Amino acid sequence: MKEVTIGVYHQDCWGSGSSEKFEDSTATEKGPVIITKAPNGQNRVYCTMDVRFADNKQRDGYIKYANEHTLIKKANVLYKTDAKAIIAVAWEGSTSYGSIMDKDCVYTAPITQEKGGYETHTILTQKPNDLKNILNELEILGEVKIMKIKNNIETNNPYSLTNKQAQALRIARALGYYTWPRNVGLQELAESCGMTRRGFQENLRKAEAKVFPEFLNREMGL
């Protein structure tokens, strides 16, 4: 099992362009990323960015850049304060998400855009061929590099979860499904990893049926 951080520099991408133009900014995606098909056949991506800046001038310049970029169809500023903004963005074009989410791996950290134009993806995988295929597919979009790799990630699986069940549980936890009140519903969880609601729900329910009774018995004696 390996945890890998991959950096992707997209050619002609608004995200890579923004982190070059506003080099002191750091953008972190919040919540699920939703991908659909636009009428023109392009990928349409909906995401929310939490962006930090050196000052308010840079913040306002970033917002102007987002509103004027040709790939961005809509940029809605949800919140802004000193040197910070949360922006909901809808954009069209090539995307790295599909290359990663189609493989048997799972995100372990939010996607970020940082200085130098690189978009970073941190994933967990136990199949070297999947990692190789991901890198090959991402190279079509631009420059790709492995920024960090950790070996010997704990592989003990006391609950006998399948990869899909473990992935469903991790995504549900990471996106706030188990908070109160819930931050996200099953439909959004399914869309965040490119699955149908029914398929995701089945994996999640099977994972819960394995984990919760065993956990209560093992940890609490119930």
C-alpha atoms as a PDB file:
ATOM      1  CA  MET A   1       0.000   0.000   0.000  1.00  0.00           C
ATOM      2  CA  LYS A   2       1.344   3.434  -0.940  1.00  0.00           C
ATOM      3  CA  GLU A   3       0.215   6.990  -0.310  1.00  0.00           C
ATOM      4  CA  VAL A   4       1.262   9.159  -3.225  1.00  0.00           C
ATOM      5  CA  THR A   5       1.063  12.911  -3.816  1.00  0.00           C
ATOM      6  CA  ILE A   6       0.966  13.708  -7.527  1.00  0.00           C
ATOM      7  CA  GLY A   7       1.540  17.199  -8.939  1.00  0.00           C
ATOM      8  CA  VAL A   8      -0.126  18.087 -12.235  1.00  0.00           C
ATOM      9  CA  TYR A   9       0.602  21.229 -14.235  1.00  0.00           C
ATOM     10  CA  HIS A  10      -2.282  21.630 -16.683  1.00  0.00           C
ATOM     11  CA  GLN A  11      -1.574  23.379 -19.947  1.00  0.00           C
ATOM     12  CA  ASP A  12      -4.096  26.214 -20.503  1.00  0.00           C
ATOM     13  CA  CYS A  13      -5.916  25.396 -17.241  1.00  0.00           C
ATOM     14  CA  TRP A  14      -7.449  28.166 -15.139  1.00  0.00           C
ATOM     15  CA  GLY A  15      -6.311  26.476 -11.912  1.00  0.00           C
ATOM     16  CA  SER A  16      -2.648  26.182 -12.875  1.00  0.00           C
ATOM     17  CA  GLY A  17      -2.838  29.662 -14.380  1.00  0.00           C
ATOM     18  CA  SER A  18      -4.249  31.153 -11.183  1.00  0.00           C
ATOM     19  CA  SER A  19      -1.537  29.710  -8.946  1.00  0.00           C
ATOM     20  CA  GLU A  20       1.119  31.112 -11.308  1.00  0.00           C
ATOM     21  CA  LYS A  21      -0.490  34.531 -11.618  1.00  0.00           C
ATOM     22  CA  PHE A  22      -1.168  34.783  -7.872  1.00  0.00           C
ATOM     23  CA  GLU A  23       1.898  32.944  -6.648  1.00  0.00           C
ATOM     24  CA  ASP A  24       1.302  33.633  -2.959  1.00  0.00           C
ATOM     25  CA  SER A  25      -2.176  32.108  -3.065  1.00  0.00           C
ATOM     26  CA  THR A  26      -3.157  28.598  -1.935  1.00  0.00           C
ATOM     27  CA  ALA A  27      -6.474  27.115  -3.083  1.00  0.00           C
ATOM     28  CA  THR A  28      -7.953  24.044  -1.388  1.00  0.00           C
ATOM     29  CA  GLU A  29     -11.035  22.257  -2.629  1.00  0.00           C
ATOM     30  CA  LYS A  30     -13.845  21.900  -0.082  1.00  0.00           C
ATOM     31  CA  GLY A  31     -16.586  19.294  -0.244  1.00  0.00           C
ATOM     32  CA  PRO A  32     -17.402  17.008  -3.171  1.00  0.00           C
ATOM     33  CA  VAL A  33     -16.351  17.624  -6.764  1.00  0.00           C
ATOM     34  CA  ILE A  34     -19.223  17.016  -9.187  1.00  0.00           C
ATOM     35  CA  ILE A  35     -18.501  16.174 -12.836  1.00  0.00           C
ATOM     36  CA  THR A  36     -21.166  16.118 -15.562  1.00  0.00           C
ATOM     37  CA  LYS A  37     -21.206  16.375 -19.335  1.00  0.00           C
ATOM     38  CA  ALA A  38     -21.980  19.742 -20.910  1.00  0.00           C
ATOM     39  CA  PRO A  39     -24.145  19.913 -24.088  1.00  0.00           C
ATOM     40  CA  ASN A  40     -20.958  20.428 -26.120  1.00  0.00           C
ATOM     41  CA  GLY A  41     -19.523  17.116 -24.839  1.00  0.00           C
ATOM     42  CA  GLN A  42     -16.941  18.736 -22.562  1.00  0.00           C
ATOM     43  CA  ASN A  43     -16.552  17.860 -18.909  1.00  0.00           C
ATOM     44  CA  ARG A  44     -18.353  20.338 -16.678  1.00  0.00           C
ATOM     45  CA  VAL A  45     -16.883  20.476 -13.181  1.00  0.00           C
ATOM     46  CA  TYR A  46     -18.475  22.011 -10.084  1.00  0.00           C
ATOM     47  CA  CYS A  47     -16.271  22.603  -7.052  1.00  0.00           C
ATOM     48  CA  THR A  48     -15.784  24.985  -4.153  1.00  0.00           C
ATOM     49  CA  MET A  49     -12.391  26.550  -3.489  1.00  0.00           C
ATOM     50  CA  ASP A  50     -11.103  27.902  -0.174  1.00  0.00           C
ATOM     51  CA  VAL A  51      -8.405  30.366  -1.284  1.00  0.00           C
ATOM     52  CA  ARG A  52      -5.887  32.154   0.946  1.00  0.00           C
ATOM     53  CA  PHE A  53      -3.904  35.190  -0.228  1.00  0.00           C
ATOM     54  CA  ALA A  54      -1.084  37.478   0.819  1.00  0.00           C
ATOM     55  CA  ASP A  55      -3.449  40.481   0.934  1.00  0.00           C
ATOM     56  CA  ASN A  56      -6.870  41.756  -0.159  1.00  0.00           C
ATOM     57  CA  LYS A  57      -5.527  43.193  -3.411  1.00  0.00           C
ATOM     58  CA  GLN A  58      -4.447  39.718  -4.480  1.00  0.00           C
ATOM     59  CA  ARG A  59      -7.800  38.302  -3.316  1.00  0.00           C
ATOM     60  CA  ASP A  60      -9.771  40.787  -5.433  1.00  0.00           C
ATOM     61  CA  GLY A  61      -7.501  40.178  -8.420  1.00  0.00           C
ATOM     62  CA  TYR A  62      -8.109  36.430  -8.141  1.00  0.00           C
ATOM     63  CA  ILE A  63     -11.887  36.914  -8.065  1.00  0.00           C
ATOM     64  CA  LYS A  64     -11.687  39.141 -11.164  1.00  0.00           C
ATOM     65  CA  TYR A  65      -9.513  36.539 -12.891  1.00  0.00           C
ATOM     66  CA  ALA A  66     -12.039  33.774 -12.112  1.00  0.00           C
ATOM     67  CA  ASN A  67     -14.971  35.807 -13.427  1.00  0.00           C
ATOM     68  CA  GLU A  68     -13.191  36.641 -16.676  1.00  0.00           C
ATOM     69  CA  HIS A  69     -11.515  33.315 -17.515  1.00  0.00           C
ATOM     70  CA  THR A  70     -12.917  31.691 -20.671  1.00  0.00           C
ATOM     71  CA  LEU A  71     -13.077  28.181 -19.152  1.00  0.00           C
ATOM     72  CA  ILE A  72     -15.033  29.298 -16.087  1.00  0.00           C
ATOM     73  CA  LYS A  73     -18.772  29.488 -16.696  1.00  0.00           C
ATOM     74  CA  LYS A  74     -19.652  30.767 -13.238  1.00  0.00           C
ATOM     75  CA  ALA A  75     -17.719  31.935 -10.187  1.00  0.00           C
ATOM     76  CA  ASN A  76     -19.859  32.665  -7.138  1.00  0.00           C
ATOM     77  CA  VAL A  77     -18.140  34.254  -4.138  1.00  0.00           C
ATOM     78  CA  LEU A  78     -19.758  32.619  -1.118  1.00  0.00           C
ATOM     79  CA  TYR A  79     -17.652  34.391   1.483  1.00  0.00           C
ATOM     80  CA  LYS A  80     -14.714  36.743   1.663  1.00  0.00           C
ATOM     81  CA  THR A  81     -12.760  38.333   4.453  1.00  0.00           C
ATOM     82  CA  ASP A  82      -9.215  39.582   4.983  1.00  0.00           C
ATOM     83  CA  ALA A  83      -6.951  37.747   2.519  1.00  0.00           C
ATOM     84  CA  LYS A  84      -9.416  34.867   2.114  1.00  0.00           C
ATOM     85  CA  ALA A  85     -12.314  33.851  -0.132  1.00  0.00           C
ATOM     86  CA  ILE A  86     -14.543  30.826  -0.612  1.00  0.00           C
ATOM     87  CA  ILE A  87     -15.637  30.578  -4.240  1.00  0.00           C
ATOM     88  CA  ALA A  88     -17.996  28.120  -5.944  1.00  0.00           C
ATOM     89  CA  VAL A  89     -16.765  27.519  -9.493  1.00  0.00           C
ATOM     90  CA  ALA A  90     -18.333  25.842 -12.526  1.00  0.00           C
ATOM     91  CA  TRP A  91     -15.946  25.274 -15.411  1.00  0.00           C
ATOM     92  CA  GLU A  92     -15.577  23.220 -18.584  1.00  0.00           C
ATOM     93  CA  GLY A  93     -12.579  21.437 -20.076  1.00  0.00           C
ATOM     94  CA  SER A  94     -10.207  18.519 -19.581  1.00  0.00           C
ATOM     95  CA  THR A  95      -9.872  17.294 -16.017  1.00  0.00           C
ATOM     96  CA  SER A  96      -7.560  15.069 -14.007  1.00  0.00           C
ATOM     97  CA  TYR A  97     -10.306  13.757 -11.709  1.00  0.00           C
ATOM     98  CA  GLY A  98     -11.529  11.016 -14.042  1.00  0.00           C
ATOM     99  CA  SER A  99      -8.054   9.558 -14.522  1.00  0.00           C
ATOM    100  CA  ILE A 100      -7.740   9.095 -10.757  1.00  0.00           C
ATOM    101  CA  MET A 101     -11.275   8.199  -9.693  1.00  0.00           C
ATOM    102  CA  ASP A 102     -11.627   5.493 -12.362  1.00  0.00           C
ATOM    103  CA  LYS A 103      -8.830   3.525 -10.701  1.00  0.00           C
ATOM    104  CA  ASP A 104      -8.911   1.391  -7.561  1.00  0.00           C
ATOM    105  CA  CYS A 105      -7.620   4.133  -5.263  1.00  0.00           C
ATOM    106  CA  VAL A 106      -8.989   6.744  -2.858  1.00  0.00           C
ATOM    107  CA  TYR A 107      -8.191  10.372  -2.020  1.00  0.00           C
ATOM    108  CA  THR A 108      -6.682  10.910   1.426  1.00  0.00           C
ATOM    109  CA  ALA A 109      -6.440  14.726   1.334  1.00  0.00           C
ATOM    110  CA  PRO A 110      -8.163  17.648  -0.418  1.00  0.00           C
ATOM    111  CA  ILE A 111      -6.897  18.677  -3.842  1.00  0.00           C
ATOM    112  CA  THR A 112      -4.845  21.885  -3.706  1.00  0.00           C
ATOM    113  CA  GLN A 113      -3.446  24.460  -6.121  1.00  0.00           C
ATOM    114  CA  GLU A 114      -0.234  26.004  -4.919  1.00  0.00           C
ATOM    115  CA  LYS A 115       2.721  28.107  -5.995  1.00  0.00           C
ATOM    116  CA  GLY A 116       4.260  27.048  -9.299  1.00  0.00           C
ATOM    117  CA  GLY A 117       1.038  26.060 -11.038  1.00  0.00           C
ATOM    118  CA  TYR A 118       0.822  22.494  -9.743  1.00  0.00           C
ATOM    119  CA  GLU A 119      -2.457  20.896  -8.730  1.00  0.00           C
ATOM    120  CA  THR A 120      -1.779  18.257  -6.070  1.00  0.00           C
ATOM    121  CA  HIS A 121      -3.643  14.969  -5.626  1.00  0.00           C
ATOM    122  CA  THR A 122      -2.896  12.736  -2.609  1.00  0.00           C
ATOM    123  CA  ILE A 123      -4.157   9.185  -3.073  1.00  0.00           C
ATOM    124  CA  LEU A 124      -3.877   5.756  -1.490  1.00  0.00           C
ATOM    125  CA  THR A 125      -3.282   2.755  -3.780  1.00  0.00           C
ATOM    126  CA  GLN A 126      -2.057  -0.811  -3.466  1.00  0.00           C
ATOM    127  CA  LYS A 127      -1.707  -1.491  -7.192  1.00  0.00           C
ATOM    128  CA  PRO A 128       1.488  -0.198  -8.861  1.00  0.00           C
ATOM    129  CA  ASN A 129      -0.099  -0.612 -12.294  1.00  0.00           C
ATOM    130  CA  ASP A 130      -2.922   1.741 -11.324  1.00  0.00           C
ATOM    131  CA  LEU A 131      -0.398   4.401 -10.345  1.00  0.00           C
ATOM    132  CA  LYS A 132       1.479   3.932 -13.615  1.00  0.00           C
ATOM    133  CA  ASN A 133      -1.742   4.220 -15.624  1.00  0.00           C
ATOM    134  CA  ILE A 134      -2.790   7.339 -13.708  1.00  0.00           C
ATOM    135  CA  LEU A 135       0.537   9.046 -14.449  1.00  0.00           C
ATOM    136  CA  ASN A 136       0.340   8.088 -18.145  1.00  0.00           C
ATOM    137  CA  GLU A 137      -3.173   9.519 -18.466  1.00  0.00           C
ATOM    138  CA  LEU A 138      -2.333  12.706 -16.607  1.00  0.00           C
ATOM    139  CA  GLU A 139       0.661  13.353 -18.869  1.00  0.00           C
ATOM    140  CA  ILE A 140      -1.817  13.972 -21.684  1.00  0.00           C
ATOM    141  CA  LEU A 141      -2.984  17.059 -19.772  1.00  0.00           C
ATOM    142  CA  GLY A 142       0.436  18.502 -18.996  1.00  0.00           C
ATOM    143  CA  GLU A 143       3.505  18.078 -16.818  1.00  0.00           C
ATOM    144  CA  VAL A 144       3.225  15.457 -14.079  1.00  0.00           C
ATOM    145  CA  LYS A 145       5.523  14.648 -11.181  1.00  0.00           C
ATOM    146  CA  ILE A 146       5.412  12.556  -8.020  1.00  0.00           C
ATOM    147  CA  MET A 147       5.869  15.033  -5.186  1.00  0.00           C
ATOM    148  CA  LYS A 148       5.795  12.579  -2.281  1.00  0.00           C
ATOM    149  CA  ILE A 149       5.450   8.839  -1.803  1.00  0.00           C
ATOM    150  CA  LYS A 150       5.094   6.850   1.419  1.00  0.00           C
ATOM    151  CA  ASN A 151       5.644   3.123   1.578  1.00  0.00           C
ATOM    152  CA  ASN A 152       4.487   0.624   4.184  1.00  0.00           C
ATOM    153  CA  ILE A 153       1.100   2.225   4.827  1.00  0.00           C
ATOM    154  CA  GLU A 154      -0.809   0.147   7.380  1.00  0.00           C
ATOM    155  CA  THR A 155      -2.637  -2.590   5.473  1.00  0.00           C
ATOM    156  CA  ASN A 156      -4.306  -4.399   8.365  1.00  0.00           C
ATOM    157  CA  ASN A 157      -8.000  -4.824   7.594  1.00  0.00           C
ATOM    158  CA  PRO A 158      -9.672  -6.179  10.749  1.00  0.00           C
ATOM    159  CA  TYR A 159     -13.178  -5.743   9.341  1.00  0.00           C
ATOM    160  CA  SER A 160     -12.572  -7.640   6.058  1.00  0.00           C
ATOM    161  CA  LEU A 161     -13.738  -4.740   3.912  1.00  0.00           C
ATOM    162  CA  THR A 162     -13.450  -4.886   0.147  1.00  0.00           C
ATOM    163  CA  ASN A 163     -11.638  -1.996  -1.538  1.00  0.00           C
ATOM    164  CA  LYS A 164     -14.944  -0.485  -2.688  1.00  0.00           C
ATOM    165  CA  GLN A 165     -16.468  -0.769   0.778  1.00  0.00           C
ATOM    166  CA  ALA A 166     -13.415   0.838   2.399  1.00  0.00           C
ATOM    167  CA  GLN A 167     -13.459   3.604  -0.213  1.00  0.00           C
ATOM    168  CA  ALA A 168     -17.141   4.332   0.419  1.00  0.00           C
ATOM    169  CA  LEU A 169     -16.528   4.546   4.172  1.00  0.00           C
ATOM    170  CA  ARG A 170     -13.516   6.854   3.776  1.00  0.00           C
ATOM    171  CA  ILE A 171     -15.363   9.188   1.400  1.00  0.00           C
ATOM    172  CA  ALA A 172     -18.428   9.325   3.665  1.00  0.00           C
ATOM    173  CA  ARG A 173     -16.282  10.196   6.660  1.00  0.00           C
ATOM    174  CA  ALA A 174     -14.066  12.708   4.805  1.00  0.00           C
ATOM    175  CA  LEU A 175     -16.994  14.660   3.337  1.00  0.00           C
ATOM    176  CA  GLY A 176     -18.999  14.913   6.556  1.00  0.00           C
ATOM    177  CA  TYR A 177     -21.659  12.221   6.178  1.00  0.00           C
ATOM    178  CA  TYR A 178     -21.241  11.218   9.826  1.00  0.00           C
ATOM    179  CA  THR A 179     -21.303  14.734  11.261  1.00  0.00           C
ATOM    180  CA  TRP A 180     -24.405  16.192  12.870  1.00  0.00           C
ATOM    181  CA  PRO A 181     -26.088  17.778  11.116  1.00  0.00           C
ATOM    182  CA  ARG A 182     -24.880  15.963   8.005  1.00  0.00           C
ATOM    183  CA  ASN A 183     -22.874  18.054   5.561  1.00  0.00           C
ATOM    184  CA  VAL A 184     -23.588  15.854   2.559  1.00  0.00           C
ATOM    185  CA  GLY A 185     -26.120  13.295   1.300  1.00  0.00           C
ATOM    186  CA  LEU A 186     -25.751   9.948  -0.452  1.00  0.00           C
ATOM    187  CA  GLN A 187     -26.325  11.445  -3.893  1.00  0.00           C
ATOM    188  CA  GLU A 188     -23.459  13.920  -3.452  1.00  0.00           C
ATOM    189  CA  LEU A 189     -21.179  11.197  -2.078  1.00  0.00           C
ATOM    190  CA  ALA A 190     -21.905   9.012  -5.096  1.00  0.00           C
ATOM    191  CA  GLU A 191     -21.290  11.857  -7.555  1.00  0.00           C
ATOM    192  CA  SER A 192     -17.997  12.759  -5.865  1.00  0.00           C
ATOM    193  CA  CYS A 193     -16.521   9.396  -6.889  1.00  0.00           C
ATOM    194  CA  GLY A 194     -18.379   8.867 -10.169  1.00  0.00           C
ATOM    195  CA  MET A 195     -20.807   6.184  -8.941  1.00  0.00           C
ATOM    196  CA  THR A 196     -24.554   5.777  -8.998  1.00  0.00           C
ATOM    197  CA  ARG A 197     -26.374   6.511  -5.763  1.00  0.00           C
ATOM    198  CA  ARG A 198     -27.543   2.906  -5.526  1.00  0.00           C
ATOM    199  CA  GLY A 199     -24.054   1.457  -6.068  1.00  0.00           C
ATOM    200  CA  PHE A 200     -22.416   3.767  -3.547  1.00  0.00           C
ATOM    201  CA  GLN A 201     -25.147   3.175  -0.974  1.00  0.00           C
ATOM    202  CA  GLU A 202     -24.765  -0.589  -1.313  1.00  0.00           C
ATOM    203  CA  ASN A 203     -21.007  -0.404  -0.696  1.00  0.00           C
ATOM    204  CA  LEU A 204     -21.456   1.956   2.251  1.00  0.00           C
ATOM    205  CA  ARG A 205     -24.193  -0.089   3.911  1.00  0.00           C
ATOM    206  CA  LYS A 206     -22.184  -3.317   3.590  1.00  0.00           C
ATOM    207  CA  ALA A 207     -19.144  -1.560   5.083  1.00  0.00           C
ATOM    208  CA  GLU A 208     -21.211  -0.227   7.994  1.00  0.00           C
ATOM    209  CA  ALA A 209     -22.702  -3.685   8.589  1.00  0.00           C
ATOM    210  CA  LYS A 210     -19.184  -5.092   8.952  1.00  0.00           C
ATOM    211  CA  VAL A 211     -17.591  -2.265  10.935  1.00  0.00           C
ATOM    212  CA  PHE A 212     -20.183  -1.097  13.452  1.00  0.00           C
ATOM    213  CA  PRO A 213     -21.135  -4.427  15.132  1.00  0.00           C
ATOM    214  CA  GLU A 214     -17.499  -5.573  15.242  1.00  0.00           C
ATOM    215  CA  PHE A 215     -16.347  -2.210  16.583  1.00  0.00           C
ATOM    216  CA  LEU A 216     -18.999  -2.169  19.329  1.00  0.00           C
ATOM    217  CA  ASN A 217     -18.080  -5.715  20.324  1.00  0.00           C
ATOM    218  CA  ARG A 218     -14.314  -5.199  20.199  1.00  0.00           C
ATOM    219  CA  GLU A 219     -13.982  -1.688  21.609  1.00  0.00           C
ATOM    220  CA  MET A 220     -16.973  -1.388  23.935  1.00  0.00           C
ATOM    221  CA  GLY A 221     -17.993  -4.949  24.753  1.00  0.00           C
ATOM    222  CA  LEU A 222     -21.560  -4.410  23.524  1.00  0.00           C
END
